[in-house]
N, C-alpha and C. Protein backbone atom coordinates (compact mmCIF):
# COMPACT_ATOMS: atom_id res chain seq x y z
N MET A 1 -6.59 -30.30 -15.03
CA MET A 1 -5.89 -30.93 -16.13
C MET A 1 -5.34 -32.28 -15.69
N ARG A 2 -4.90 -32.37 -14.46
CA ARG A 2 -4.32 -33.62 -13.96
C ARG A 2 -5.35 -34.76 -14.04
N ASP A 3 -6.58 -34.50 -13.62
CA ASP A 3 -7.61 -35.52 -13.63
C ASP A 3 -7.91 -35.96 -15.07
N GLU A 4 -7.96 -35.02 -16.00
CA GLU A 4 -8.24 -35.36 -17.39
C GLU A 4 -7.11 -36.20 -17.97
N LEU A 5 -5.86 -35.88 -17.66
CA LEU A 5 -4.73 -36.68 -18.13
C LEU A 5 -4.78 -38.10 -17.55
N LYS A 6 -5.13 -38.22 -16.30
CA LYS A 6 -5.26 -39.55 -15.68
C LYS A 6 -6.37 -40.35 -16.33
N ARG A 7 -7.50 -39.68 -16.63
CA ARG A 7 -8.63 -40.34 -17.27
C ARG A 7 -8.29 -40.84 -18.69
N LEU A 8 -7.39 -40.10 -19.36
CA LEU A 8 -6.97 -40.47 -20.73
C LEU A 8 -5.79 -41.42 -20.72
N ASN A 9 -5.40 -41.93 -19.58
CA ASN A 9 -4.28 -42.89 -19.45
C ASN A 9 -2.95 -42.31 -19.91
N ALA A 10 -2.72 -41.03 -19.62
CA ALA A 10 -1.43 -40.45 -19.93
C ALA A 10 -0.38 -41.04 -19.01
N VAL A 11 0.87 -41.10 -19.48
CA VAL A 11 1.94 -41.70 -18.71
C VAL A 11 2.57 -40.65 -17.82
N GLU A 12 2.63 -40.90 -16.52
CA GLU A 12 3.28 -39.99 -15.58
C GLU A 12 4.72 -40.41 -15.45
N VAL A 13 5.63 -39.64 -16.10
CA VAL A 13 7.04 -40.03 -16.12
C VAL A 13 7.76 -39.67 -14.83
N VAL A 14 7.45 -38.55 -14.27
CA VAL A 14 7.90 -38.14 -12.95
C VAL A 14 6.70 -37.47 -12.30
N PRO A 15 6.70 -37.25 -11.02
CA PRO A 15 5.52 -36.66 -10.38
C PRO A 15 5.13 -35.33 -11.06
N ASN A 16 3.87 -35.24 -11.43
CA ASN A 16 3.27 -34.07 -12.04
C ASN A 16 3.80 -33.74 -13.44
N ARG A 17 4.38 -34.70 -14.11
CA ARG A 17 4.79 -34.52 -15.54
C ARG A 17 4.25 -35.70 -16.31
N PHE A 18 3.40 -35.39 -17.27
CA PHE A 18 2.69 -36.44 -18.03
C PHE A 18 3.06 -36.37 -19.52
N LEU A 19 3.10 -37.53 -20.16
CA LEU A 19 3.25 -37.63 -21.60
C LEU A 19 1.94 -38.12 -22.17
N TYR A 20 1.45 -37.41 -23.18
CA TYR A 20 0.21 -37.82 -23.84
C TYR A 20 0.23 -37.35 -25.29
N ARG A 21 0.17 -38.31 -26.19
CA ARG A 21 0.07 -38.05 -27.64
C ARG A 21 1.14 -37.08 -28.16
N GLY A 22 2.35 -37.30 -27.77
CA GLY A 22 3.46 -36.49 -28.28
C GLY A 22 3.60 -35.14 -27.61
N MET A 23 2.96 -34.97 -26.47
CA MET A 23 3.08 -33.72 -25.71
C MET A 23 3.46 -34.05 -24.27
N CYS A 24 4.22 -33.16 -23.69
CA CYS A 24 4.59 -33.30 -22.29
C CYS A 24 3.90 -32.18 -21.52
N PHE A 25 3.16 -32.54 -20.50
CA PHE A 25 2.45 -31.60 -19.64
C PHE A 25 3.16 -31.56 -18.30
N ASP A 26 3.77 -30.41 -18.01
CA ASP A 26 4.46 -30.24 -16.72
C ASP A 26 3.54 -29.46 -15.80
N LEU A 27 2.94 -30.12 -14.83
CA LEU A 27 1.98 -29.50 -13.93
C LEU A 27 2.63 -28.91 -12.70
N ASN A 28 3.98 -28.90 -12.65
CA ASN A 28 4.66 -28.31 -11.52
C ASN A 28 4.67 -26.80 -11.57
N HIS A 29 4.25 -26.24 -12.71
CA HIS A 29 4.27 -24.79 -12.90
C HIS A 29 2.84 -24.30 -13.05
N GLU A 30 2.64 -23.03 -12.77
CA GLU A 30 1.33 -22.41 -12.91
C GLU A 30 1.45 -21.25 -13.87
N PRO A 31 0.86 -21.25 -15.04
CA PRO A 31 0.05 -22.33 -15.60
C PRO A 31 0.93 -23.48 -16.07
N ALA A 32 0.30 -24.61 -16.31
CA ALA A 32 1.03 -25.81 -16.72
C ALA A 32 1.83 -25.53 -17.98
N GLU A 33 3.05 -26.08 -18.04
CA GLU A 33 3.88 -25.95 -19.25
C GLU A 33 3.56 -27.10 -20.17
N ILE A 34 3.40 -26.79 -21.48
CA ILE A 34 3.08 -27.80 -22.47
C ILE A 34 4.18 -27.79 -23.51
N MET A 35 4.80 -28.96 -23.70
CA MET A 35 5.92 -29.07 -24.65
C MET A 35 5.65 -30.17 -25.65
N SER A 36 6.26 -30.03 -26.80
CA SER A 36 6.17 -31.04 -27.85
C SER A 36 7.35 -31.99 -27.74
N THR A 37 7.11 -33.27 -28.04
CA THR A 37 8.17 -34.26 -28.01
C THR A 37 8.62 -34.63 -29.41
N ASP A 38 8.28 -33.82 -30.39
CA ASP A 38 8.64 -34.11 -31.79
C ASP A 38 10.12 -33.93 -32.08
N TYR A 39 10.80 -33.29 -31.20
CA TYR A 39 12.20 -32.96 -31.45
C TYR A 39 13.10 -33.75 -30.50
N GLU A 40 14.40 -33.62 -30.68
CA GLU A 40 15.33 -34.36 -29.82
C GLU A 40 15.18 -33.92 -28.35
N PHE A 41 14.88 -32.63 -28.16
CA PHE A 41 14.63 -32.09 -26.84
C PHE A 41 13.22 -31.54 -26.82
N TYR A 42 12.61 -31.49 -25.63
CA TYR A 42 11.27 -30.92 -25.53
C TYR A 42 11.32 -29.46 -25.98
N LYS A 43 10.28 -29.07 -26.70
CA LYS A 43 10.18 -27.70 -27.19
C LYS A 43 8.78 -27.18 -26.86
N TYR A 44 8.71 -25.98 -26.29
CA TYR A 44 7.41 -25.42 -25.92
C TYR A 44 6.56 -25.23 -27.17
N ILE A 45 5.25 -25.53 -27.04
CA ILE A 45 4.38 -25.33 -28.16
C ILE A 45 4.15 -23.84 -28.36
N LYS A 46 3.71 -23.48 -29.56
CA LYS A 46 3.51 -22.07 -29.90
C LYS A 46 2.42 -21.47 -29.01
N GLU A 47 2.53 -20.18 -28.81
CA GLU A 47 1.59 -19.48 -27.93
C GLU A 47 0.15 -19.62 -28.41
N GLU A 48 -0.05 -19.63 -29.73
CA GLU A 48 -1.41 -19.75 -30.28
C GLU A 48 -2.02 -21.11 -29.89
N HIS A 49 -1.20 -22.14 -29.84
CA HIS A 49 -1.71 -23.44 -29.39
C HIS A 49 -1.84 -23.51 -27.89
N ARG A 50 -0.96 -22.82 -27.19
CA ARG A 50 -1.04 -22.79 -25.72
C ARG A 50 -2.34 -22.15 -25.28
N ALA A 51 -2.76 -21.14 -26.03
CA ALA A 51 -4.00 -20.43 -25.69
C ALA A 51 -5.22 -21.34 -25.83
N LEU A 52 -5.13 -22.33 -26.70
CA LEU A 52 -6.24 -23.29 -26.85
C LEU A 52 -6.56 -24.00 -25.54
N PHE A 53 -5.52 -24.32 -24.80
CA PHE A 53 -5.70 -25.07 -23.54
C PHE A 53 -6.34 -24.19 -22.48
N ASP A 54 -6.26 -22.89 -22.65
CA ASP A 54 -6.89 -21.95 -21.69
C ASP A 54 -8.34 -21.67 -22.06
N THR A 55 -8.67 -21.78 -23.37
CA THR A 55 -10.00 -21.35 -23.83
C THR A 55 -10.92 -22.50 -24.15
N LYS A 56 -10.39 -23.64 -24.55
CA LYS A 56 -11.24 -24.78 -24.97
C LYS A 56 -11.15 -25.91 -23.96
N PRO A 57 -12.09 -26.84 -24.01
CA PRO A 57 -11.98 -28.03 -23.19
C PRO A 57 -10.70 -28.80 -23.56
N PHE A 58 -10.16 -29.55 -22.61
CA PHE A 58 -8.87 -30.20 -22.78
C PHE A 58 -8.82 -31.07 -24.03
N ARG A 59 -9.77 -31.98 -24.19
CA ARG A 59 -9.72 -32.90 -25.35
C ARG A 59 -9.81 -32.13 -26.66
N GLU A 60 -10.62 -31.11 -26.71
CA GLU A 60 -10.75 -30.33 -27.94
C GLU A 60 -9.45 -29.60 -28.26
N ALA A 61 -8.77 -29.09 -27.23
CA ALA A 61 -7.50 -28.38 -27.42
C ALA A 61 -6.44 -29.35 -27.93
N VAL A 62 -6.38 -30.55 -27.36
CA VAL A 62 -5.42 -31.56 -27.80
C VAL A 62 -5.71 -31.92 -29.27
N SER A 63 -6.97 -32.14 -29.57
CA SER A 63 -7.37 -32.50 -30.93
C SER A 63 -6.98 -31.40 -31.93
N THR A 64 -7.23 -30.16 -31.61
CA THR A 64 -6.91 -29.05 -32.50
C THR A 64 -5.41 -28.94 -32.69
N TYR A 65 -4.64 -29.07 -31.62
CA TYR A 65 -3.19 -29.00 -31.73
C TYR A 65 -2.66 -30.11 -32.63
N LEU A 66 -3.12 -31.33 -32.40
CA LEU A 66 -2.62 -32.46 -33.19
C LEU A 66 -3.02 -32.36 -34.65
N ARG A 67 -4.26 -31.91 -34.91
CA ARG A 67 -4.68 -31.77 -36.32
C ARG A 67 -3.86 -30.72 -37.01
N ASP A 68 -3.55 -29.62 -36.35
CA ASP A 68 -2.69 -28.59 -36.95
C ASP A 68 -1.30 -29.13 -37.25
N LYS A 69 -0.78 -29.90 -36.30
CA LYS A 69 0.57 -30.49 -36.46
C LYS A 69 0.62 -31.45 -37.63
N TYR A 70 -0.38 -32.32 -37.73
CA TYR A 70 -0.36 -33.30 -38.84
C TYR A 70 -0.70 -32.65 -40.18
N LYS A 71 -1.51 -31.61 -40.17
CA LYS A 71 -1.80 -30.89 -41.39
C LYS A 71 -0.54 -30.24 -41.95
N LYS A 72 0.27 -29.71 -41.06
CA LYS A 72 1.55 -29.10 -41.47
C LYS A 72 2.47 -30.15 -42.04
N LYS A 73 2.55 -31.32 -41.40
CA LYS A 73 3.41 -32.41 -41.89
C LYS A 73 2.93 -32.93 -43.25
N LEU A 74 1.62 -33.01 -43.43
CA LEU A 74 1.08 -33.46 -44.70
C LEU A 74 1.38 -32.44 -45.82
N GLY A 75 1.37 -31.16 -45.47
CA GLY A 75 1.72 -30.12 -46.46
C GLY A 75 3.16 -30.24 -46.90
N LEU A 76 4.07 -30.48 -45.94
CA LEU A 76 5.47 -30.66 -46.30
C LEU A 76 5.69 -31.91 -47.13
N LEU A 77 4.96 -32.97 -46.81
CA LEU A 77 5.07 -34.21 -47.59
C LEU A 77 4.57 -33.99 -49.02
N GLU A 78 3.52 -33.21 -49.17
CA GLU A 78 2.99 -32.92 -50.52
C GLU A 78 4.04 -32.21 -51.37
N ILE A 79 4.75 -31.27 -50.76
CA ILE A 79 5.79 -30.54 -51.50
C ILE A 79 6.93 -31.50 -51.90
N LYS A 80 7.31 -32.38 -50.97
CA LYS A 80 8.38 -33.34 -51.25
C LYS A 80 7.96 -34.31 -52.35
N MET A 81 6.70 -34.76 -52.29
CA MET A 81 6.21 -35.70 -53.32
C MET A 81 6.17 -35.03 -54.68
N ARG A 82 5.68 -33.81 -54.74
CA ARG A 82 5.61 -33.08 -56.00
C ARG A 82 7.00 -32.90 -56.59
N ASP A 83 7.96 -32.55 -55.76
CA ASP A 83 9.33 -32.36 -56.19
C ASP A 83 9.92 -33.70 -56.72
N GLU A 84 9.64 -34.76 -56.00
CA GLU A 84 10.18 -36.07 -56.39
C GLU A 84 9.58 -36.52 -57.72
N VAL A 85 8.29 -36.36 -57.89
CA VAL A 85 7.63 -36.81 -59.10
C VAL A 85 8.08 -35.96 -60.31
N ASN A 86 8.18 -34.67 -60.12
CA ASN A 86 8.50 -33.77 -61.25
C ASN A 86 9.97 -33.73 -61.61
N LYS A 87 10.85 -33.95 -60.66
CA LYS A 87 12.28 -33.79 -60.95
C LYS A 87 13.05 -35.11 -60.93
N LYS A 88 13.00 -35.86 -59.87
CA LYS A 88 13.88 -37.00 -59.71
C LYS A 88 13.22 -38.31 -60.16
N ASN A 89 11.95 -38.46 -59.85
CA ASN A 89 11.16 -39.63 -60.22
C ASN A 89 11.77 -40.95 -59.73
N ASN A 90 12.24 -40.96 -58.51
CA ASN A 90 12.75 -42.17 -57.87
C ASN A 90 11.59 -42.93 -57.26
N HIS A 91 11.27 -44.10 -57.78
CA HIS A 91 10.08 -44.83 -57.35
C HIS A 91 10.15 -45.31 -55.90
N ASN A 92 11.33 -45.62 -55.42
CA ASN A 92 11.47 -46.03 -54.01
C ASN A 92 11.13 -44.89 -53.08
N VAL A 93 11.61 -43.71 -53.40
CA VAL A 93 11.32 -42.52 -52.55
C VAL A 93 9.84 -42.17 -52.64
N ILE A 94 9.27 -42.24 -53.82
CA ILE A 94 7.84 -41.96 -53.98
C ILE A 94 7.01 -42.93 -53.14
N SER A 95 7.39 -44.20 -53.18
CA SER A 95 6.66 -45.22 -52.39
C SER A 95 6.78 -44.93 -50.90
N TYR A 96 7.98 -44.54 -50.47
CA TYR A 96 8.19 -44.20 -49.06
C TYR A 96 7.34 -42.99 -48.65
N LEU A 97 7.31 -41.96 -49.50
CA LEU A 97 6.54 -40.76 -49.20
C LEU A 97 5.03 -41.08 -49.17
N LYS A 98 4.57 -41.96 -50.04
CA LYS A 98 3.15 -42.36 -50.01
C LYS A 98 2.80 -43.07 -48.71
N SER A 99 3.67 -43.98 -48.27
CA SER A 99 3.37 -44.68 -47.03
C SER A 99 3.42 -43.73 -45.84
N THR A 100 4.34 -42.76 -45.86
CA THR A 100 4.42 -41.74 -44.79
C THR A 100 3.16 -40.89 -44.80
N ARG A 101 2.70 -40.53 -46.00
CA ARG A 101 1.47 -39.74 -46.11
C ARG A 101 0.29 -40.51 -45.51
N LYS A 102 0.19 -41.79 -45.83
CA LYS A 102 -0.89 -42.61 -45.30
C LYS A 102 -0.83 -42.66 -43.77
N PHE A 103 0.39 -42.77 -43.22
CA PHE A 103 0.58 -42.79 -41.80
C PHE A 103 0.05 -41.49 -41.14
N TYR A 104 0.40 -40.34 -41.74
CA TYR A 104 -0.04 -39.08 -41.16
C TYR A 104 -1.53 -38.82 -41.35
N ILE A 105 -2.08 -39.32 -42.44
CA ILE A 105 -3.54 -39.20 -42.64
C ILE A 105 -4.26 -39.98 -41.56
N ASN A 106 -3.76 -41.18 -41.23
CA ASN A 106 -4.36 -41.98 -40.16
C ASN A 106 -4.21 -41.27 -38.80
N LYS A 107 -3.06 -40.66 -38.57
CA LYS A 107 -2.86 -39.90 -37.33
C LYS A 107 -3.82 -38.73 -37.24
N TYR A 108 -4.03 -38.04 -38.39
CA TYR A 108 -4.96 -36.91 -38.44
C TYR A 108 -6.38 -37.37 -38.11
N LYS A 109 -6.79 -38.47 -38.71
CA LYS A 109 -8.13 -39.02 -38.42
C LYS A 109 -8.26 -39.40 -36.94
N ASP A 110 -7.20 -39.98 -36.40
CA ASP A 110 -7.21 -40.37 -34.99
C ASP A 110 -7.33 -39.12 -34.09
N ALA A 111 -6.68 -38.05 -34.49
CA ALA A 111 -6.72 -36.82 -33.71
C ALA A 111 -8.13 -36.22 -33.73
N GLU A 112 -8.86 -36.42 -34.82
CA GLU A 112 -10.23 -35.92 -34.88
C GLU A 112 -11.13 -36.67 -33.91
N ASN A 113 -10.80 -37.90 -33.60
CA ASN A 113 -11.64 -38.74 -32.73
C ASN A 113 -11.37 -38.55 -31.23
N ILE A 114 -10.47 -37.67 -30.89
CA ILE A 114 -10.17 -37.44 -29.46
C ILE A 114 -11.34 -36.77 -28.77
N ARG A 115 -12.02 -35.88 -29.47
CA ARG A 115 -13.12 -35.11 -28.85
C ARG A 115 -14.10 -35.94 -28.20
């Protein structure tokens, strides 16, 4: 995993701890610990996603994890947009949600190209 992270230009913040695409890979442990940086503090990724790194090639596992993450965020945005349009109809908020949706769609497409 270390060689693959180096090849992908992941940032080594301390020895054997890499940041790559919103994930922290701690190679000081066996098996490597994988955490998400989406929160104020690192949070371990779910076991179902952790299993991907054991069963699939590294790039494919990263791609699958990121696509799942962005798909979830897009689903939450859809609910917020529907609520805003049907109840409050604030055009500034709707515009902000549209731009956020576009941002996550681009991130999703980018995650598909990791493979």
